[in-house]
Structures are given as structure tokens and as C-alpha cells.
PDB file of all heavy atoms in Angstrom:
ATOM      1  N   ALA A   1      -8.942   6.357  -4.866  1.00  0.00           N
ATOM      2  CA  ALA A   1      -9.574   7.090  -5.960  1.00  0.00           C
ATOM      3  C   ALA A   1      -8.891   6.852  -7.311  1.00  0.00           C
ATOM      4  O   ALA A   1      -9.392   7.260  -8.351  1.00  0.00           O
ATOM      5  CB  ALA A   1      -9.613   8.584  -5.688  1.00  0.00           C
ATOM      6  N   TYR A   2      -7.714   6.223  -7.275  1.00  0.00           N
ATOM      7  CA  TYR A   2      -6.896   6.084  -8.505  1.00  0.00           C
ATOM      8  C   TYR A   2      -7.655   5.235  -9.510  1.00  0.00           C
ATOM      9  O   TYR A   2      -8.078   4.117  -9.222  1.00  0.00           O
ATOM     10  CB  TYR A   2      -5.583   5.422  -8.153  1.00  0.00           C
ATOM     11  CG  TYR A   2      -4.488   5.548  -9.176  1.00  0.00           C
ATOM     12  CD1 TYR A   2      -3.715   6.710  -9.253  1.00  0.00           C
ATOM     13  CD2 TYR A   2      -4.236   4.533 -10.089  1.00  0.00           C
ATOM     14  CE1 TYR A   2      -2.724   6.855 -10.180  1.00  0.00           C
ATOM     15  CE2 TYR A   2      -3.228   4.656 -11.013  1.00  0.00           C
ATOM     16  CZ  TYR A   2      -2.467   5.822 -11.074  1.00  0.00           C
ATOM     17  OH  TYR A   2      -1.447   5.923 -12.011  1.00  0.00           O
ATOM     18  N   SER A   3      -7.821   5.764 -10.711  1.00  0.00           N
ATOM     19  CA  SER A   3      -8.721   5.115 -11.689  1.00  0.00           C
ATOM     20  C   SER A   3      -8.034   4.054 -12.528  1.00  0.00           C
ATOM     21  O   SER A   3      -8.697   3.168 -13.080  1.00  0.00           O
ATOM     22  CB  SER A   3      -9.308   6.182 -12.603  1.00  0.00           C
ATOM     23  OG  SER A   3      -8.325   6.937 -13.256  1.00  0.00           O
ATOM     24  N   LYS A   4      -6.721   4.116 -12.674  1.00  0.00           N
ATOM     25  CA  LYS A   4      -6.016   3.169 -13.538  1.00  0.00           C
ATOM     26  C   LYS A   4      -5.558   1.945 -12.748  1.00  0.00           C
ATOM     27  O   LYS A   4      -5.182   2.041 -11.602  1.00  0.00           O
ATOM     28  CB  LYS A   4      -4.786   3.813 -14.187  1.00  0.00           C
ATOM     29  CG  LYS A   4      -5.103   4.925 -15.193  1.00  0.00           C
ATOM     30  CD  LYS A   4      -3.838   5.473 -15.790  1.00  0.00           C
ATOM     31  CE  LYS A   4      -4.150   6.571 -16.795  1.00  0.00           C
ATOM     32  NZ  LYS A   4      -2.892   7.118 -17.393  1.00  0.00           N
ATOM     33  N   HIS A   5      -5.634   0.775 -13.365  1.00  0.00           N
ATOM     34  CA  HIS A   5      -5.113  -0.438 -12.764  1.00  0.00           C
ATOM     35  C   HIS A   5      -3.828  -0.784 -13.493  1.00  0.00           C
ATOM     36  O   HIS A   5      -3.792  -1.479 -14.511  1.00  0.00           O
ATOM     37  CB  HIS A   5      -6.124  -1.585 -12.861  1.00  0.00           C
ATOM     38  CG  HIS A   5      -7.308  -1.368 -11.997  1.00  0.00           C
ATOM     39  ND1 HIS A   5      -7.325  -1.690 -10.652  1.00  0.00           N
ATOM     40  CD2 HIS A   5      -8.538  -0.860 -12.259  1.00  0.00           C
ATOM     41  CE1 HIS A   5      -8.479  -1.382 -10.118  1.00  0.00           C
ATOM     42  NE2 HIS A   5      -9.248  -0.891 -11.071  1.00  0.00           N
ATOM     43  N   ASP A   6      -2.729  -0.235 -12.971  1.00  0.00           N
ATOM     44  CA  ASP A   6      -1.439  -0.444 -13.633  1.00  0.00           C
ATOM     45  C   ASP A   6      -0.391  -0.820 -12.554  1.00  0.00           C
ATOM     46  O   ASP A   6      -0.732  -1.026 -11.409  1.00  0.00           O
ATOM     47  CB  ASP A   6      -1.025   0.840 -14.384  1.00  0.00           C
ATOM     48  CG  ASP A   6      -0.982   2.087 -13.481  1.00  0.00           C
ATOM     49  OD1 ASP A   6      -0.977   1.927 -12.239  1.00  0.00           O
ATOM     50  OD2 ASP A   6      -0.928   3.202 -14.023  1.00  0.00           O
ATOM     51  N   VAL A   7       0.843  -0.927 -12.991  1.00  0.00           N
ATOM     52  CA  VAL A   7       1.890  -1.337 -12.091  1.00  0.00           C
ATOM     53  C   VAL A   7       2.086  -0.367 -10.924  1.00  0.00           C
ATOM     54  O   VAL A   7       2.413  -0.782  -9.800  1.00  0.00           O
ATOM     55  CB  VAL A   7       3.218  -1.556 -12.843  1.00  0.00           C
ATOM     56  CG1 VAL A   7       3.759  -0.221 -13.387  1.00  0.00           C
ATOM     57  CG2 VAL A   7       4.289  -2.221 -11.959  1.00  0.00           C
ATOM     58  N   LEU A   8       1.817   0.914 -11.162  1.00  0.00           N
ATOM     59  CA  LEU A   8       1.937   1.911 -10.104  1.00  0.00           C
ATOM     60  C   LEU A   8       0.988   1.646  -8.948  1.00  0.00           C
ATOM     61  O   LEU A   8       1.368   1.659  -7.766  1.00  0.00           O
ATOM     62  CB  LEU A   8       1.671   3.319 -10.644  1.00  0.00           C
ATOM     63  CG  LEU A   8       2.807   4.087 -11.316  1.00  0.00           C
ATOM     64  CD1 LEU A   8       2.313   5.439 -11.749  1.00  0.00           C
ATOM     65  CD2 LEU A   8       3.997   4.217 -10.367  1.00  0.00           C
ATOM     66  N   ILE A   9      -0.268   1.437  -9.280  1.00  0.00           N
ATOM     67  CA  ILE A   9      -1.285   1.229  -8.235  1.00  0.00           C
ATOM     68  C   ILE A   9      -1.102  -0.111  -7.541  1.00  0.00           C
ATOM     69  O   ILE A   9      -1.295  -0.234  -6.311  1.00  0.00           O
ATOM     70  CB  ILE A   9      -2.709   1.369  -8.804  1.00  0.00           C
ATOM     71  CG1 ILE A   9      -3.728   1.497  -7.668  1.00  0.00           C
ATOM     72  CG2 ILE A   9      -3.062   0.239  -9.699  1.00  0.00           C
ATOM     73  CD1 ILE A   9      -3.593   2.739  -6.808  1.00  0.00           C
ATOM     74  N   GLU A  10      -0.692  -1.136  -8.268  1.00  0.00           N
ATOM     75  CA  GLU A  10      -0.446  -2.437  -7.663  1.00  0.00           C
ATOM     76  C   GLU A  10       0.693  -2.315  -6.652  1.00  0.00           C
ATOM     77  O   GLU A  10       0.631  -2.851  -5.551  1.00  0.00           O
ATOM     78  CB  GLU A  10      -0.105  -3.432  -8.761  1.00  0.00           C
ATOM     79  CG  GLU A  10      -0.060  -4.887  -8.301  1.00  0.00           C
ATOM     80  CD  GLU A  10       0.241  -5.857  -9.443  1.00  0.00           C
ATOM     81  OE1 GLU A  10       0.274  -5.404 -10.601  1.00  0.00           O
ATOM     82  OE2 GLU A  10       0.488  -7.034  -9.142  1.00  0.00           O
ATOM     83  N   PHE A  11       1.756  -1.624  -7.056  1.00  0.00           N
ATOM     84  CA  PHE A  11       2.930  -1.401  -6.194  1.00  0.00           C
ATOM     85  C   PHE A  11       2.516  -0.589  -4.954  1.00  0.00           C
ATOM     86  O   PHE A  11       2.880  -0.942  -3.807  1.00  0.00           O
ATOM     87  CB  PHE A  11       4.008  -0.680  -6.981  1.00  0.00           C
ATOM     88  CG  PHE A  11       5.194  -0.215  -6.194  1.00  0.00           C
ATOM     89  CD1 PHE A  11       5.884  -1.097  -5.359  1.00  0.00           C
ATOM     90  CD2 PHE A  11       5.618   1.112  -6.251  1.00  0.00           C
ATOM     91  CE1 PHE A  11       6.982  -0.669  -4.642  1.00  0.00           C
ATOM     92  CE2 PHE A  11       6.711   1.554  -5.534  1.00  0.00           C
ATOM     93  CZ  PHE A  11       7.402   0.659  -4.712  1.00  0.00           C
ATOM     94  N   ALA A  12       1.740   0.474  -5.180  1.00  0.00           N
ATOM     95  CA  ALA A  12       1.371   1.351  -4.086  1.00  0.00           C
ATOM     96  C   ALA A  12       0.467   0.646  -3.060  1.00  0.00           C
ATOM     97  O   ALA A  12       0.618   0.852  -1.822  1.00  0.00           O
ATOM     98  CB  ALA A  12       0.635   2.586  -4.595  1.00  0.00           C
ATOM     99  N   LYS A  13      -0.435  -0.222  -3.518  1.00  0.00           N
ATOM    100  CA  LYS A  13      -1.321  -0.931  -2.585  1.00  0.00           C
ATOM    101  C   LYS A  13      -0.519  -1.868  -1.696  1.00  0.00           C
ATOM    102  O   LYS A  13      -0.717  -1.928  -0.483  1.00  0.00           O
ATOM    103  CB  LYS A  13      -2.376  -1.710  -3.367  1.00  0.00           C
ATOM    104  CG  LYS A  13      -3.464  -0.842  -3.970  1.00  0.00           C
ATOM    105  CD  LYS A  13      -4.484  -1.690  -4.721  1.00  0.00           C
ATOM    106  CE  LYS A  13      -5.641  -0.862  -5.247  1.00  0.00           C
ATOM    107  NZ  LYS A  13      -6.631  -1.693  -5.961  1.00  0.00           N
ATOM    108  N   ILE A  14       0.357  -2.631  -2.295  1.00  0.00           N
ATOM    109  CA  ILE A  14       1.169  -3.565  -1.513  1.00  0.00           C
ATOM    110  C   ILE A  14       2.046  -2.817  -0.506  1.00  0.00           C
ATOM    111  O   ILE A  14       2.185  -3.194   0.648  1.00  0.00           O
ATOM    112  CB  ILE A  14       1.999  -4.506  -2.426  1.00  0.00           C
ATOM    113  CG1 ILE A  14       1.093  -5.410  -3.226  1.00  0.00           C
ATOM    114  CG2 ILE A  14       3.002  -5.332  -1.616  1.00  0.00           C
ATOM    115  CD1 ILE A  14       1.839  -6.343  -4.198  1.00  0.00           C
ATOM    116  N   ASP A  15       2.654  -1.731  -0.994  1.00  0.00           N
ATOM    117  CA  ASP A  15       3.551  -0.969  -0.135  1.00  0.00           C
ATOM    118  C   ASP A  15       2.769  -0.357   1.040  1.00  0.00           C
ATOM    119  O   ASP A  15       3.242  -0.333   2.182  1.00  0.00           O
ATOM    120  CB  ASP A  15       4.258   0.122  -0.932  1.00  0.00           C
ATOM    121  CG  ASP A  15       5.381   0.803  -0.143  1.00  0.00           C
ATOM    122  OD1 ASP A  15       6.430   0.189   0.051  1.00  0.00           O
ATOM    123  OD2 ASP A  15       5.143   1.935   0.336  1.00  0.00           O
ATOM    124  N   PHE A  16       1.576   0.146   0.755  1.00  0.00           N
ATOM    125  CA  PHE A  16       0.760   0.741   1.812  1.00  0.00           C
ATOM    126  C   PHE A  16       0.505  -0.300   2.917  1.00  0.00           C
ATOM    127  O   PHE A  16       0.615  -0.020   4.116  1.00  0.00           O
ATOM    128  CB  PHE A  16      -0.559   1.264   1.251  1.00  0.00           C
ATOM    129  CG  PHE A  16      -1.389   1.954   2.288  1.00  0.00           C
ATOM    130  CD1 PHE A  16      -1.347   3.349   2.416  1.00  0.00           C
ATOM    131  CD2 PHE A  16      -2.248   1.245   3.154  1.00  0.00           C
ATOM    132  CE1 PHE A  16      -2.116   3.996   3.385  1.00  0.00           C
ATOM    133  CE2 PHE A  16      -3.010   1.904   4.087  1.00  0.00           C
ATOM    134  CZ  PHE A  16      -2.946   3.275   4.207  1.00  0.00           C
ATOM    135  N   ASN A  17       0.115  -1.511   2.510  1.00  0.00           N
ATOM    136  CA  ASN A  17      -0.187  -2.569   3.478  1.00  0.00           C
ATOM    137  C   ASN A  17       1.059  -2.968   4.256  1.00  0.00           C
ATOM    138  O   ASN A  17       0.939  -3.221   5.466  1.00  0.00           O
ATOM    139  CB  ASN A  17      -0.787  -3.770   2.757  1.00  0.00           C
ATOM    140  CG  ASN A  17      -2.234  -3.510   2.297  1.00  0.00           C
ATOM    141  OD1 ASN A  17      -2.908  -2.634   2.805  1.00  0.00           O
ATOM    142  ND2 ASN A  17      -2.678  -4.299   1.343  1.00  0.00           N
ATOM    143  N   ILE A  18       2.194  -3.055   3.626  1.00  0.00           N
ATOM    144  CA  ILE A  18       3.427  -3.406   4.316  1.00  0.00           C
ATOM    145  C   ILE A  18       3.785  -2.346   5.363  1.00  0.00           C
ATOM    146  O   ILE A  18       4.113  -2.687   6.490  1.00  0.00           O
ATOM    147  CB  ILE A  18       4.589  -3.599   3.332  1.00  0.00           C
ATOM    148  CG1 ILE A  18       4.358  -4.872   2.499  1.00  0.00           C
ATOM    149  CG2 ILE A  18       5.922  -3.677   4.042  1.00  0.00           C
ATOM    150  CD1 ILE A  18       5.355  -5.077   1.340  1.00  0.00           C
ATOM    151  N   VAL A  19       3.663  -1.086   4.985  1.00  0.00           N
ATOM    152  CA  VAL A  19       3.990  -0.018   5.897  1.00  0.00           C
ATOM    153  C   VAL A  19       2.936   0.025   7.017  1.00  0.00           C
ATOM    154  O   VAL A  19       3.279   0.247   8.183  1.00  0.00           O
ATOM    155  CB  VAL A  19       4.059   1.336   5.169  1.00  0.00           C
ATOM    156  CG1 VAL A  19       4.260   2.487   6.155  1.00  0.00           C
ATOM    157  CG2 VAL A  19       5.221   1.339   4.177  1.00  0.00           C
ATOM    158  N   GLN A  20       1.681  -0.249   6.672  1.00  0.00           N
ATOM    159  CA  GLN A  20       0.635  -0.247   7.726  1.00  0.00           C
ATOM    160  C   GLN A  20       0.942  -1.361   8.737  1.00  0.00           C
ATOM    161  O   GLN A  20       0.752  -1.156   9.952  1.00  0.00           O
ATOM    162  CB  GLN A  20      -0.728  -0.492   7.109  1.00  0.00           C
ATOM    163  CG  GLN A  20      -1.849  -0.350   8.115  1.00  0.00           C
ATOM    164  CD  GLN A  20      -3.200  -0.712   7.561  1.00  0.00           C
ATOM    165  OE1 GLN A  20      -3.512  -1.908   7.366  1.00  0.00           O
ATOM    166  NE2 GLN A  20      -4.010   0.289   7.295  1.00  0.00           N
ATOM    167  N   ALA A  21       1.403  -2.501   8.293  1.00  0.00           N
ATOM    168  CA  ALA A  21       1.760  -3.586   9.217  1.00  0.00           C
ATOM    169  C   ALA A  21       2.883  -3.171  10.145  1.00  0.00           C
ATOM    170  O   ALA A  21       2.865  -3.531  11.347  1.00  0.00           O
ATOM    171  CB  ALA A  21       2.133  -4.829   8.437  1.00  0.00           C
ATOM    172  N   VAL A  22       3.864  -2.427   9.642  1.00  0.00           N
ATOM    173  CA  VAL A  22       4.931  -1.886  10.504  1.00  0.00           C
ATOM    174  C   VAL A  22       4.337  -0.967  11.541  1.00  0.00           C
ATOM    175  O   VAL A  22       4.655  -1.037  12.731  1.00  0.00           O
ATOM    176  CB  VAL A  22       5.983  -1.163   9.643  1.00  0.00           C
ATOM    177  CG1 VAL A  22       6.991  -0.420  10.525  1.00  0.00           C
ATOM    178  CG2 VAL A  22       6.701  -2.155   8.733  1.00  0.00           C
ATOM    179  N   HIS A  23       3.464  -0.047  11.110  1.00  0.00           N
ATOM    180  CA  HIS A  23       2.841   0.882  12.024  1.00  0.00           C
ATOM    181  C   HIS A  23       2.024   0.158  13.083  1.00  0.00           C
ATOM    182  O   HIS A  23       1.984   0.572  14.285  1.00  0.00           O
ATOM    183  CB  HIS A  23       1.943   1.867  11.256  1.00  0.00           C
ATOM    184  CG  HIS A  23       2.694   2.809  10.386  1.00  0.00           C
ATOM    185  ND1 HIS A  23       2.085   3.560   9.392  1.00  0.00           N
ATOM    186  CD2 HIS A  23       4.003   3.154  10.349  1.00  0.00           C
ATOM    187  CE1 HIS A  23       2.985   4.306   8.784  1.00  0.00           C
ATOM    188  NE2 HIS A  23       4.174   4.086   9.360  1.00  0.00           N
ATOM    189  N   GLN A  24       1.339  -0.916  12.691  1.00  0.00           N
ATOM    190  CA  GLN A  24       0.523  -1.641  13.665  1.00  0.00           C
ATOM    191  C   GLN A  24       1.377  -2.289  14.756  1.00  0.00           C
ATOM    192  O   GLN A  24       1.000  -2.291  15.929  1.00  0.00           O
ATOM    193  CB  GLN A  24      -0.274  -2.717  12.937  1.00  0.00           C
ATOM    194  CG  GLN A  24      -1.443  -2.134  12.135  1.00  0.00           C
ATOM    195  CD  GLN A  24      -2.127  -3.197  11.243  1.00  0.00           C
ATOM    196  OE1 GLN A  24      -1.662  -4.327  11.104  1.00  0.00           O
ATOM    197  NE2 GLN A  24      -3.269  -2.803  10.676  1.00  0.00           N
ATOM    198  N   GLU A  25       2.546  -2.811  14.388  1.00  0.00           N
ATOM    199  CA  GLU A  25       3.417  -3.423  15.405  1.00  0.00           C
ATOM    200  C   GLU A  25       3.930  -2.347  16.347  1.00  0.00           C
ATOM    201  O   GLU A  25       4.057  -2.587  17.554  1.00  0.00           O
ATOM    202  CB  GLU A  25       4.582  -4.142  14.722  1.00  0.00           C
ATOM    203  CG  GLU A  25       4.162  -5.405  13.985  1.00  0.00           C
ATOM    204  CD  GLU A  25       3.409  -6.379  14.873  1.00  0.00           C
ATOM    205  OE1 GLU A  25       3.927  -6.736  15.967  1.00  0.00           O
ATOM    206  OE2 GLU A  25       2.284  -6.781  14.479  1.00  0.00           O
ATOM    207  N   GLU A  26       4.232  -1.186  15.845  1.00  0.00           N
ATOM    208  CA  GLU A  26       4.667  -0.064  16.680  1.00  0.00           C
ATOM    209  C   GLU A  26       3.556   0.362  17.653  1.00  0.00           C
ATOM    210  O   GLU A  26       3.819   0.632  18.823  1.00  0.00           O
ATOM    211  CB  GLU A  26       5.129   1.108  15.845  1.00  0.00           C
ATOM    212  CG  GLU A  26       6.388   0.830  15.034  1.00  0.00           C
ATOM    213  CD  GLU A  26       6.638   1.896  13.955  1.00  0.00           C
ATOM    214  OE1 GLU A  26       5.876   2.872  13.869  1.00  0.00           O
ATOM    215  OE2 GLU A  26       7.618   1.716  13.199  1.00  0.00           O
ATOM    216  N   LEU A  27       2.332   0.397  17.159  1.00  0.00           N
ATOM    217  CA  LEU A  27       1.199   0.788  17.970  1.00  0.00           C
ATOM    218  C   LEU A  27       0.963  -0.229  19.076  1.00  0.00           C
ATOM    219  O   LEU A  27       0.627   0.148  20.208  1.00  0.00           O
ATOM    220  CB  LEU A  27      -0.045   0.954  17.089  1.00  0.00           C
ATOM    221  CG  LEU A  27      -1.292   1.505  17.741  1.00  0.00           C
ATOM    222  CD1 LEU A  27      -1.006   2.803  18.483  1.00  0.00           C
ATOM    223  CD2 LEU A  27      -2.380   1.738  16.683  1.00  0.00           C
TER     224      LEU A  27
END
């Protein structure tokens, strides 16, 4: 839902995917 395209959202998206990949390996 984040409306701005700035360094915060770019950072958060990549971090979410990296953490999700960790979670997937654990699963």
C-alpha cells in the first residue's frame, strides 16, 4: 500500500524477499 517510490520502499521490498527466501528454506 506504500504510495511513495523512494529508497525506503526499494530497501523494504528487497529485504522482504531476502527474508522470505530464508523462511522458504526453513519450511
